[in-house]
Amino acid sequence: MAEAEQSREVSINIPPNQSALPPIAANVCLVKHTGQTFVLDFGFADPLVIAITLPGEGVVIAALHVGRIVIAQDIALKLRDQLITVRGAP
């Protein structure tokens, strides 16, 4: 059986893209946990549809899929901690 690779930390810089991509709006995120990774699917649902839709069993609002991020569990936990810090929560 192969040994698990030791985790390591390196510095990475992501320079701004020379040709900017069009802005993407997302107001919905669905998270799936699969083993040691998280899959985050981002979407956009019309806010007016959300506002006028009454909650009920079987009610599903369709959203336009705008992106997917697959992230390792350890990085997801660091992201969570950073978001909590930025938000200013105790």
Protein backbone atom coordinates (compact mmCIF):
# COMPACT_ATOMS: atom_id res chain seq x y z
CA MET A 1 0.00 0.00 0.00
CA ALA A 2 1.37 3.44 -0.92
CA GLU A 3 2.21 5.81 1.89
CA ALA A 4 0.17 9.00 2.16
CA GLU A 5 2.09 12.03 0.94
CA GLN A 6 3.11 14.40 3.72
CA SER A 7 1.23 17.67 3.56
CA ARG A 8 3.34 20.74 2.87
CA GLU A 9 2.71 24.43 2.65
CA VAL A 10 4.05 26.67 -0.09
CA SER A 11 3.47 30.33 -0.97
CA ILE A 12 1.45 30.96 -4.11
CA ASN A 13 0.69 34.25 -5.82
CA ILE A 14 -2.17 34.57 -8.33
CA PRO A 15 -1.59 37.70 -10.44
CA PRO A 16 -4.65 39.44 -11.87
CA ASN A 17 -5.71 38.16 -15.26
CA GLN A 18 -4.59 40.42 -18.12
CA SER A 19 -7.94 40.06 -19.88
CA ALA A 20 -10.61 40.26 -17.22
CA LEU A 21 -13.38 37.70 -17.35
CA PRO A 22 -16.97 38.95 -17.33
CA PRO A 23 -18.40 39.32 -13.83
CA ILE A 24 -20.28 36.30 -12.47
CA ALA A 25 -23.08 36.68 -9.96
CA ALA A 26 -24.02 33.82 -7.66
CA ASN A 27 -26.57 33.85 -4.88
CA VAL A 28 -26.84 30.10 -4.31
CA CYS A 29 -24.22 27.56 -3.25
CA LEU A 30 -24.76 23.83 -2.85
CA VAL A 31 -22.04 21.93 -1.01
CA LYS A 32 -21.35 18.21 -1.34
CA HIS A 33 -18.80 16.38 0.81
CA THR A 34 -17.13 13.45 -0.92
CA GLY A 35 -14.41 11.80 1.12
CA GLN A 36 -11.55 14.28 1.57
CA THR A 37 -12.95 16.88 -0.84
CA PHE A 38 -15.79 19.35 -1.02
CA VAL A 39 -17.62 20.16 -4.25
CA LEU A 40 -19.18 23.64 -4.26
CA ASP A 41 -21.65 24.37 -7.05
CA PHE A 42 -22.53 28.04 -7.44
CA GLY A 43 -25.68 29.23 -9.13
CA PHE A 44 -27.88 32.23 -9.68
CA ALA A 45 -31.62 32.18 -8.98
CA ASP A 46 -33.81 35.16 -9.77
CA PRO A 47 -34.22 37.07 -6.46
CA LEU A 48 -37.83 37.97 -7.35
CA VAL A 49 -38.70 34.30 -7.79
CA ILE A 50 -37.09 33.53 -4.44
CA ALA A 51 -39.02 36.38 -2.78
CA ILE A 52 -42.46 35.33 -4.08
CA THR A 53 -42.05 31.56 -3.70
CA LEU A 54 -43.72 30.21 -0.59
CA PRO A 55 -41.81 27.47 1.19
CA GLY A 56 -43.40 24.08 0.90
CA GLU A 57 -42.63 20.44 0.49
CA GLY A 58 -41.41 19.66 -3.01
CA VAL A 59 -40.92 23.33 -3.99
CA VAL A 60 -37.70 23.69 -5.98
CA ILE A 61 -36.44 26.91 -7.55
CA ALA A 62 -34.32 26.44 -10.66
CA ALA A 63 -30.97 28.25 -10.64
CA LEU A 64 -28.53 28.86 -13.48
CA HIS A 65 -25.24 27.03 -12.83
CA VAL A 66 -22.36 29.54 -12.91
CA GLY A 67 -19.39 27.61 -11.57
CA ARG A 68 -17.93 24.71 -9.62
CA ILE A 69 -15.04 24.53 -7.18
CA VAL A 70 -13.54 21.29 -5.95
CA ILE A 71 -11.51 21.88 -2.80
CA ALA A 72 -9.57 19.60 -0.46
CA GLN A 73 -10.95 19.26 3.05
CA ASP A 74 -7.93 20.86 4.76
CA ILE A 75 -8.08 23.89 2.44
CA ALA A 76 -11.86 24.13 2.94
CA LEU A 77 -11.33 24.28 6.71
CA LYS A 78 -8.71 27.04 6.30
CA LEU A 79 -11.12 28.94 4.05
CA ARG A 80 -13.86 28.59 6.67
CA ASP A 81 -11.55 29.95 9.38
CA GLN A 82 -10.48 32.88 7.19
CA LEU A 83 -14.10 33.75 6.35
CA ILE A 84 -15.01 33.68 10.04
CA THR A 85 -12.06 35.98 10.80
CA VAL A 86 -12.93 38.40 7.99
CA ARG A 87 -16.56 38.46 9.10
CA GLY A 88 -15.44 39.38 12.60
CA ALA A 89 -17.26 36.59 14.39
CA PRO A 90 -15.81 35.42 17.73
